[in-house]
Amino acid sequence: MKRLLPFVALLMMVSACDVYVVEPRYDARDRIIGQYDVEEYSETYNDLSYYTMFITKSGSSEIYIDNFYASDIRVYAYLDYDEITIPYQVVNGYEIEGAGTSHGSSLSLSYRVTDTYDDSYTDFCETTARRY
């Protein structure tokens, strides 16, 4: 019985300890943050253009796309797994909305842009962006 006493005491001490598991926080937006080389095709004007855009996180669940449409404007969007949603918004006289997907280090976006100041046609664009 004396031999079991230290084992029982050790077992009681171990069972009295609290074990805390700390899991790291994962933000899905982290995998698309960065600078992108953009190839944008305008279906409306049958024109191809190249520029750079930047994606950053906002304080909430949104992302910001800077230099969107090569017009030095910032639009906000939402990332849900691999799906990107650009909700309807008016920024610096441009009406914008669209959607896209994320594939590794590249993005595919499809959106429409209307210049409210110029009464021009609505520009429908297909864009491929690659992060470097």
N, C-alpha and C. Protein backbone atom coordinates (compact mmCIF):
# COMPACT_ATOMS: atom_id res chain seq x y z
N MET A 1 0.81 -1.19 0.00
CA MET A 1 0.00 0.00 0.00
C MET A 1 0.86 1.26 0.00
N LYS A 2 2.01 1.21 0.71
CA LYS A 2 2.88 2.37 0.75
C LYS A 2 3.45 2.67 -0.63
N ARG A 3 3.62 1.65 -1.46
CA ARG A 3 4.15 1.88 -2.80
C ARG A 3 3.12 2.58 -3.70
N LEU A 4 1.85 2.38 -3.50
CA LEU A 4 0.81 3.00 -4.29
C LEU A 4 0.55 4.45 -3.89
N LEU A 5 0.89 4.82 -2.68
CA LEU A 5 0.61 6.16 -2.19
C LEU A 5 1.29 7.25 -3.02
N PRO A 6 2.59 7.15 -3.36
CA PRO A 6 3.19 8.19 -4.22
C PRO A 6 2.56 8.23 -5.62
N PHE A 7 2.19 7.08 -6.15
CA PHE A 7 1.57 7.04 -7.48
C PHE A 7 0.20 7.72 -7.45
N VAL A 8 -0.59 7.47 -6.40
CA VAL A 8 -1.91 8.09 -6.27
C VAL A 8 -1.75 9.60 -6.08
N ALA A 9 -0.77 10.02 -5.30
CA ALA A 9 -0.54 11.46 -5.09
C ALA A 9 -0.14 12.14 -6.39
N LEU A 10 0.72 11.50 -7.16
CA LEU A 10 1.13 12.04 -8.45
C LEU A 10 -0.05 12.12 -9.41
N LEU A 11 -0.86 11.11 -9.43
CA LEU A 11 -2.05 11.09 -10.28
C LEU A 11 -3.01 12.20 -9.90
N MET A 12 -3.18 12.49 -8.62
CA MET A 12 -4.07 13.56 -8.18
C MET A 12 -3.50 14.93 -8.57
N MET A 13 -2.19 15.10 -8.53
CA MET A 13 -1.60 16.37 -8.90
C MET A 13 -1.74 16.62 -10.41
N VAL A 14 -1.55 15.60 -11.19
CA VAL A 14 -1.66 15.74 -12.64
C VAL A 14 -3.10 16.02 -13.04
N SER A 15 -4.04 15.38 -12.41
CA SER A 15 -5.44 15.59 -12.77
C SER A 15 -5.96 16.94 -12.29
N ALA A 16 -5.25 17.58 -11.38
CA ALA A 16 -5.69 18.88 -10.88
C ALA A 16 -5.19 20.03 -11.77
N CYS A 17 -4.33 19.76 -12.71
CA CYS A 17 -3.78 20.82 -13.57
C CYS A 17 -4.77 21.18 -14.67
N ASP A 18 -4.78 22.45 -15.01
CA ASP A 18 -5.59 22.91 -16.14
C ASP A 18 -4.71 22.95 -17.38
N VAL A 19 -5.24 22.46 -18.45
CA VAL A 19 -4.51 22.46 -19.71
C VAL A 19 -5.23 23.43 -20.64
N TYR A 20 -4.49 24.41 -21.12
CA TYR A 20 -5.03 25.38 -22.05
C TYR A 20 -4.44 25.16 -23.43
N VAL A 21 -5.29 25.07 -24.40
CA VAL A 21 -4.84 24.93 -25.78
C VAL A 21 -5.07 26.28 -26.46
N VAL A 22 -4.00 26.85 -26.96
CA VAL A 22 -4.09 28.13 -27.64
C VAL A 22 -3.96 27.87 -29.14
N GLU A 23 -5.03 28.16 -29.84
CA GLU A 23 -5.02 27.96 -31.28
C GLU A 23 -4.71 29.28 -31.96
N PRO A 24 -3.83 29.25 -32.94
CA PRO A 24 -3.52 30.51 -33.63
C PRO A 24 -4.72 30.99 -34.44
N ARG A 25 -4.86 32.29 -34.52
CA ARG A 25 -5.96 32.85 -35.32
C ARG A 25 -5.56 32.84 -36.77
N TYR A 26 -6.46 32.40 -37.62
CA TYR A 26 -6.22 32.35 -39.05
C TYR A 26 -7.18 33.30 -39.74
N ASP A 27 -6.65 34.17 -40.53
CA ASP A 27 -7.45 35.11 -41.29
C ASP A 27 -7.28 34.77 -42.76
N ALA A 28 -8.34 34.32 -43.41
CA ALA A 28 -8.28 33.89 -44.81
C ALA A 28 -7.84 35.01 -45.73
N ARG A 29 -8.02 36.25 -45.30
CA ARG A 29 -7.62 37.39 -46.13
C ARG A 29 -6.10 37.49 -46.27
N ASP A 30 -5.36 36.93 -45.31
CA ASP A 30 -3.90 37.02 -45.35
C ASP A 30 -3.31 36.42 -46.62
N ARG A 31 -3.96 35.42 -47.19
CA ARG A 31 -3.38 34.76 -48.36
C ARG A 31 -3.56 35.53 -49.66
N ILE A 32 -4.36 36.60 -49.65
CA ILE A 32 -4.50 37.39 -50.89
C ILE A 32 -3.97 38.81 -50.75
N ILE A 33 -3.44 39.15 -49.60
CA ILE A 33 -2.90 40.49 -49.38
C ILE A 33 -1.60 40.65 -50.18
N GLY A 34 -1.45 41.79 -50.84
CA GLY A 34 -0.19 42.04 -51.55
C GLY A 34 -0.36 42.90 -52.78
N GLN A 35 0.69 42.93 -53.57
CA GLN A 35 0.75 43.71 -54.79
C GLN A 35 0.55 42.78 -55.98
N TYR A 36 -0.25 43.21 -56.94
CA TYR A 36 -0.61 42.38 -58.08
C TYR A 36 -0.30 43.08 -59.41
N ASP A 37 0.18 42.30 -60.37
CA ASP A 37 0.25 42.75 -61.76
C ASP A 37 -1.08 42.39 -62.40
N VAL A 38 -1.70 43.35 -63.04
CA VAL A 38 -3.06 43.17 -63.55
C VAL A 38 -3.08 43.25 -65.07
N GLU A 39 -3.81 42.31 -65.67
CA GLU A 39 -4.12 42.35 -67.09
C GLU A 39 -5.64 42.47 -67.19
N GLU A 40 -6.11 43.60 -67.68
CA GLU A 40 -7.54 43.88 -67.69
C GLU A 40 -8.03 43.98 -69.14
N TYR A 41 -9.06 43.20 -69.45
CA TYR A 41 -9.66 43.24 -70.78
C TYR A 41 -11.03 43.91 -70.69
N SER A 42 -11.22 44.97 -71.45
CA SER A 42 -12.49 45.67 -71.50
C SER A 42 -13.31 45.08 -72.65
N GLU A 43 -14.40 44.41 -72.32
CA GLU A 43 -15.29 43.86 -73.35
C GLU A 43 -16.01 44.98 -74.10
N THR A 44 -16.28 46.07 -73.43
CA THR A 44 -16.99 47.19 -74.04
C THR A 44 -16.16 47.87 -75.11
N TYR A 45 -14.89 48.14 -74.79
CA TYR A 45 -14.03 48.88 -75.70
C TYR A 45 -13.03 48.00 -76.45
N ASN A 46 -13.08 46.68 -76.21
CA ASN A 46 -12.18 45.73 -76.84
C ASN A 46 -10.72 46.19 -76.66
N ASP A 47 -10.37 46.47 -75.42
CA ASP A 47 -9.07 47.04 -75.12
C ASP A 47 -8.42 46.25 -73.99
N LEU A 48 -7.11 46.08 -74.07
CA LEU A 48 -6.34 45.37 -73.06
C LEU A 48 -5.42 46.37 -72.37
N SER A 49 -5.41 46.39 -71.04
CA SER A 49 -4.52 47.31 -70.32
C SER A 49 -3.82 46.56 -69.18
N TYR A 50 -2.67 47.11 -68.80
CA TYR A 50 -1.83 46.51 -67.76
C TYR A 50 -1.54 47.56 -66.70
N TYR A 51 -1.62 47.16 -65.45
CA TYR A 51 -1.32 48.08 -64.35
C TYR A 51 -1.07 47.28 -63.08
N THR A 52 -0.80 47.97 -61.99
CA THR A 52 -0.54 47.34 -60.70
C THR A 52 -1.64 47.75 -59.73
N MET A 53 -2.10 46.79 -58.92
CA MET A 53 -3.05 47.10 -57.86
C MET A 53 -2.59 46.46 -56.57
N PHE A 54 -3.14 46.94 -55.47
CA PHE A 54 -2.73 46.50 -54.15
C PHE A 54 -3.96 46.07 -53.35
N ILE A 55 -3.83 44.97 -52.63
CA ILE A 55 -4.92 44.49 -51.78
C ILE A 55 -4.45 44.51 -50.34
N THR A 56 -5.26 45.15 -49.49
CA THR A 56 -4.97 45.23 -48.06
C THR A 56 -6.22 44.83 -47.27
N LYS A 57 -6.03 44.55 -45.98
CA LYS A 57 -7.15 44.23 -45.11
C LYS A 57 -7.67 45.49 -44.47
N SER A 58 -8.97 45.50 -44.21
CA SER A 58 -9.53 46.57 -43.40
C SER A 58 -9.59 46.07 -41.97
N GLY A 59 -10.05 46.90 -41.07
CA GLY A 59 -10.14 46.50 -39.68
C GLY A 59 -11.20 45.44 -39.45
N SER A 60 -12.17 45.35 -40.34
CA SER A 60 -13.24 44.36 -40.17
C SER A 60 -12.99 43.18 -41.11
N SER A 61 -14.02 42.66 -41.70
CA SER A 61 -13.88 41.47 -42.55
C SER A 61 -13.71 41.81 -44.03
N GLU A 62 -13.49 43.08 -44.33
CA GLU A 62 -13.39 43.50 -45.72
C GLU A 62 -11.93 43.52 -46.18
N ILE A 63 -11.78 43.60 -47.49
CA ILE A 63 -10.48 43.88 -48.08
C ILE A 63 -10.62 45.15 -48.89
N TYR A 64 -9.53 45.85 -49.07
CA TYR A 64 -9.49 47.04 -49.92
C TYR A 64 -8.67 46.73 -51.16
N ILE A 65 -9.16 47.17 -52.30
CA ILE A 65 -8.41 47.05 -53.55
C ILE A 65 -8.05 48.46 -53.97
N ASP A 66 -6.75 48.78 -53.93
CA ASP A 66 -6.27 50.10 -54.30
C ASP A 66 -5.80 50.12 -55.75
N ASN A 67 -5.98 51.24 -56.40
CA ASN A 67 -5.69 51.45 -57.82
C ASN A 67 -6.59 50.55 -58.68
N PHE A 68 -7.81 50.38 -58.24
CA PHE A 68 -8.78 49.58 -58.98
C PHE A 68 -9.08 50.26 -60.31
N TYR A 69 -9.19 49.49 -61.37
CA TYR A 69 -9.54 49.99 -62.70
C TYR A 69 -8.49 50.98 -63.21
N ALA A 70 -7.28 50.90 -62.64
CA ALA A 70 -6.16 51.79 -62.98
C ALA A 70 -6.57 53.26 -62.85
N SER A 71 -7.47 53.54 -61.92
CA SER A 71 -7.98 54.91 -61.74
C SER A 71 -7.63 55.49 -60.39
N ASP A 72 -6.69 54.87 -59.70
CA ASP A 72 -6.25 55.36 -58.40
C ASP A 72 -7.41 55.52 -57.42
N ILE A 73 -8.34 54.57 -57.45
CA ILE A 73 -9.45 54.57 -56.50
C ILE A 73 -9.35 53.34 -55.62
N ARG A 74 -10.00 53.40 -54.47
CA ARG A 74 -10.02 52.28 -53.52
C ARG A 74 -11.44 51.78 -53.42
N VAL A 75 -11.62 50.49 -53.70
CA VAL A 75 -12.93 49.86 -53.52
C VAL A 75 -12.80 48.82 -52.41
N TYR A 76 -13.93 48.50 -51.82
CA TYR A 76 -13.91 47.44 -50.81
C TYR A 76 -14.60 46.21 -51.36
N ALA A 77 -14.22 45.06 -50.81
CA ALA A 77 -14.77 43.79 -51.25
C ALA A 77 -14.77 42.83 -50.07
N TYR A 78 -15.43 41.71 -50.25
CA TYR A 78 -15.49 40.67 -49.23
C TYR A 78 -14.89 39.39 -49.78
N LEU A 79 -14.19 38.65 -48.93
CA LEU A 79 -13.63 37.35 -49.30
C LEU A 79 -14.34 36.28 -48.49
N ASP A 80 -14.93 35.31 -49.17
CA ASP A 80 -15.58 34.19 -48.54
C ASP A 80 -14.99 32.93 -49.15
N TYR A 81 -14.08 32.28 -48.43
CA TYR A 81 -13.27 31.18 -48.94
C TYR A 81 -12.51 31.67 -50.16
N ASP A 82 -12.84 31.21 -51.35
CA ASP A 82 -12.14 31.65 -52.56
C ASP A 82 -12.96 32.64 -53.37
N GLU A 83 -14.13 32.99 -52.90
CA GLU A 83 -15.02 33.88 -53.63
C GLU A 83 -14.84 35.34 -53.18
N ILE A 84 -14.69 36.22 -54.15
CA ILE A 84 -14.56 37.65 -53.87
C ILE A 84 -15.82 38.35 -54.37
N THR A 85 -16.42 39.17 -53.53
CA THR A 85 -17.60 39.93 -53.91
C THR A 85 -17.29 41.42 -53.79
N ILE A 86 -17.48 42.13 -54.89
CA ILE A 86 -17.35 43.58 -54.88
C ILE A 86 -18.77 44.13 -54.92
N PRO A 87 -19.30 44.55 -53.78
CA PRO A 87 -20.69 45.03 -53.76
C PRO A 87 -20.82 46.36 -54.51
N TYR A 88 -22.05 46.69 -54.86
CA TYR A 88 -22.31 47.95 -55.55
C TYR A 88 -21.81 49.10 -54.68
N GLN A 89 -21.05 50.00 -55.30
CA GLN A 89 -20.54 51.17 -54.60
C GLN A 89 -20.22 52.26 -55.62
N VAL A 90 -20.27 53.49 -55.16
CA VAL A 90 -19.90 54.64 -55.99
C VAL A 90 -18.67 55.27 -55.34
N VAL A 91 -17.57 55.30 -56.10
CA VAL A 91 -16.31 55.82 -55.59
C VAL A 91 -15.76 56.82 -56.60
N ASN A 92 -15.58 58.06 -56.17
CA ASN A 92 -15.02 59.12 -57.02
C ASN A 92 -15.69 59.20 -58.39
N GLY A 93 -16.99 59.06 -58.41
CA GLY A 93 -17.74 59.19 -59.65
C GLY A 93 -17.83 57.92 -60.48
N TYR A 94 -17.34 56.80 -59.98
CA TYR A 94 -17.44 55.51 -60.68
C TYR A 94 -18.41 54.61 -59.94
N GLU A 95 -19.40 54.07 -60.67
CA GLU A 95 -20.26 53.02 -60.11
C GLU A 95 -19.57 51.69 -60.39
N ILE A 96 -19.43 50.88 -59.36
CA ILE A 96 -18.66 49.65 -59.48
C ILE A 96 -19.41 48.52 -58.80
N GLU A 97 -19.37 47.33 -59.41
CA GLU A 97 -19.78 46.11 -58.74
C GLU A 97 -19.26 44.93 -59.53
N GLY A 98 -19.03 43.80 -58.83
CA GLY A 98 -18.50 42.64 -59.52
C GLY A 98 -18.24 41.48 -58.58
N ALA A 99 -17.55 40.49 -59.11
CA ALA A 99 -17.25 39.27 -58.36
C ALA A 99 -15.98 38.66 -58.91
N GLY A 100 -15.44 37.71 -58.18
CA GLY A 100 -14.23 37.04 -58.64
C GLY A 100 -13.89 35.85 -57.78
N THR A 101 -12.75 35.24 -58.11
CA THR A 101 -12.27 34.09 -57.37
C THR A 101 -10.77 34.22 -57.15
N SER A 102 -10.30 33.52 -56.14
CA SER A 102 -8.89 33.48 -55.80
C SER A 102 -8.37 32.08 -56.08
N HIS A 103 -7.21 32.00 -56.76
CA HIS A 103 -6.58 30.71 -57.07
C HIS A 103 -5.10 30.83 -56.74
N GLY A 104 -4.69 30.39 -55.56
CA GLY A 104 -3.29 30.49 -55.18
C GLY A 104 -2.84 31.93 -55.14
N SER A 105 -1.89 32.29 -56.01
CA SER A 105 -1.39 33.67 -56.01
C SER A 105 -1.99 34.51 -57.13
N SER A 106 -3.10 34.06 -57.69
CA SER A 106 -3.74 34.85 -58.75
C SER A 106 -5.23 35.05 -58.44
N LEU A 107 -5.76 36.11 -59.03
CA LEU A 107 -7.16 36.44 -58.87
C LEU A 107 -7.79 36.57 -60.25
N SER A 108 -9.05 36.19 -60.36
CA SER A 108 -9.84 36.42 -61.56
C SER A 108 -11.03 37.26 -61.13
N LEU A 109 -11.19 38.43 -61.77
CA LEU A 109 -12.27 39.34 -61.41
C LEU A 109 -13.09 39.67 -62.65
N SER A 110 -14.37 39.79 -62.45
CA SER A 110 -15.30 40.21 -63.49
C SER A 110 -16.16 41.31 -62.88
N TYR A 111 -16.17 42.50 -63.50
CA TYR A 111 -16.89 43.61 -62.91
C TYR A 111 -17.34 44.60 -63.96
N ARG A 112 -18.18 45.51 -63.52
CA ARG A 112 -18.64 46.58 -64.41
C ARG A 112 -18.33 47.91 -63.75
N VAL A 113 -17.98 48.89 -64.59
CA VAL A 113 -17.65 50.22 -64.11
C VAL A 113 -18.37 51.23 -65.00
N THR A 114 -19.06 52.18 -64.36
CA THR A 114 -19.73 53.25 -65.09
C THR A 114 -19.22 54.59 -64.57
N ASP A 115 -18.74 55.43 -65.47
CA ASP A 115 -18.28 56.77 -65.09
C ASP A 115 -19.51 57.67 -65.04
N THR A 116 -19.91 58.09 -63.85
CA THR A 116 -21.13 58.89 -63.70
C THR A 116 -20.95 60.33 -64.15
N TYR A 117 -19.72 60.80 -64.26
CA TYR A 117 -19.48 62.17 -64.70
C TYR A 117 -19.45 62.32 -66.21
N ASP A 118 -19.12 61.23 -66.92
CA ASP A 118 -18.84 61.32 -68.35
C ASP A 118 -19.97 60.78 -69.23
N ASP A 119 -21.03 60.26 -68.66
CA ASP A 119 -22.13 59.66 -69.44
C ASP A 119 -21.63 58.71 -70.52
N SER A 120 -20.59 57.98 -70.23
CA SER A 120 -20.05 57.02 -71.19
C SER A 120 -20.74 55.67 -71.02
N TYR A 121 -20.36 54.73 -71.85
CA TYR A 121 -20.90 53.38 -71.76
C TYR A 121 -20.43 52.71 -70.49
N THR A 122 -21.20 51.75 -70.04
CA THR A 122 -20.76 50.92 -68.92
C THR A 122 -19.67 50.00 -69.43
N ASP A 123 -18.56 49.96 -68.71
CA ASP A 123 -17.40 49.15 -69.11
C ASP A 123 -17.46 47.82 -68.37
N PHE A 124 -17.56 46.73 -69.13
CA PHE A 124 -17.55 45.39 -68.56
C PHE A 124 -16.15 44.83 -68.72
N CYS A 125 -15.52 44.45 -67.60
CA CYS A 125 -14.12 44.05 -67.61
C CYS A 125 -13.92 42.64 -67.06
N GLU A 126 -12.95 41.96 -67.65
CA GLU A 126 -12.46 40.67 -67.17
C GLU A 126 -10.99 40.88 -66.82
N THR A 127 -10.62 40.54 -65.60
CA THR A 127 -9.27 40.84 -65.13
C THR A 127 -8.61 39.59 -64.54
N THR A 128 -7.33 39.45 -64.86
CA THR A 128 -6.48 38.45 -64.23
C THR A 128 -5.38 39.18 -63.51
N ALA A 129 -5.22 38.91 -62.23
CA ALA A 129 -4.19 39.58 -61.42
C ALA A 129 -3.29 38.53 -60.80
N ARG A 130 -1.99 38.76 -60.90
CA ARG A 130 -1.00 37.83 -60.33
C ARG A 130 -0.15 38.55 -59.31
N ARG A 131 -0.04 37.93 -58.13
CA ARG A 131 0.75 38.53 -57.05
C ARG A 131 2.22 38.22 -57.27
N TYR A 132 3.05 39.18 -56.96
CA TYR A 132 4.50 38.93 -57.03
C TYR A 132 5.18 39.42 -55.79
